Amino acid sequence: MHERLAELIRLLDLEKIEENIFRGYHPAGRTHRLYGGQIMAQSLIAAGRTVDSDRPVHSLHGYFMRPGDPKVPVVFNVERIRDGRSFTTRRIVAVQHGKAIFSMDASFQVIEQGLEHSAGMPAMKPPTPEQVARLTNDDTFITYLEEYKAKLDEKPMPAKQHHWFITNGELQADDPLVHAALLTFQSDDALMSTSRMPHRGTFSRERMQGASLDHAMWFHQPGCRADQWILYQLDAPLASGARGYNRGLMFTADGQLVASTIQESLMRLR
């Protein structure tokens, strides 16, 4: 297991301060604002710690309100909104310096059977070991970009891209909540950039203020593992009002649709 992945696993093991109150820490050496995927993943862990293990997460909806400060821990306050027969709802507020930086509602459901159908996966295969060997693998996840060569030229492109990702090492943990948190962490990695693709070469990155505004995610198949290849299919139907609208579907290598995402991002030219 790569040291950055091991560090993230430790950061997801939140400190319990009091009933429904947890404290989370950040990667060593972090100096810029906190990564949104980290705060979402830690918020999900905080919520899941208050839910019975037989109810996996099925959705989360979060709003980013302030940049996170890497110099101080985050306190996660969990409110037990509802415990029903089939669904459990939690509200999480992440706080720094006495102010909310992020809020999220998460819903958990007992496993049930019902009608089923699924969108098809694009005709793509995970990268080969030779392709992976050519990547720079000094990160939490190994990521392979299908459109990498096309993106070498700074020119407009369709607002679509496909990323393969997998944890940088095998995980001993079988806890579905941890794997869901890892998928949540990685889900924030490429969404924002998708809505910029049709505008490549038409603006200076130094003049753009970008940030995640809100983020929603649905988990369709409980038990999906983050240490197996996942294809992240992304598109951005719209950019308007200094915001980009981004969507994503996550497929396992055998074509099973396991999660989906939607995010709005700030795209403000200064």
Foldseek 3Di string as FASTA:
>chain_A
DAPQQVVLVVQLPWDDPDVQKTKGADDPPDAFFDQPLSVVLSLLSSQVVVDDLQWAWFKKKKFFDATHGNVDIWMKGKDFPDDDPFKTKIKIFIDDPRDTGMIMIIMTGHDDDDDDDDDWDPPDADDDPVVQVPDDLNHQKRKDWPCVVVVVDQAADALKTKMKIAGPDDDPDQRLSNQVSVCSSCVSVCFQVSQCRRVGPVDDPVQWDKDWGMKMKGFDDGRDGRRAIKMKIKGWPDDDPQKTWMKIWIAGRVTDTTMIMITIMGTDGD
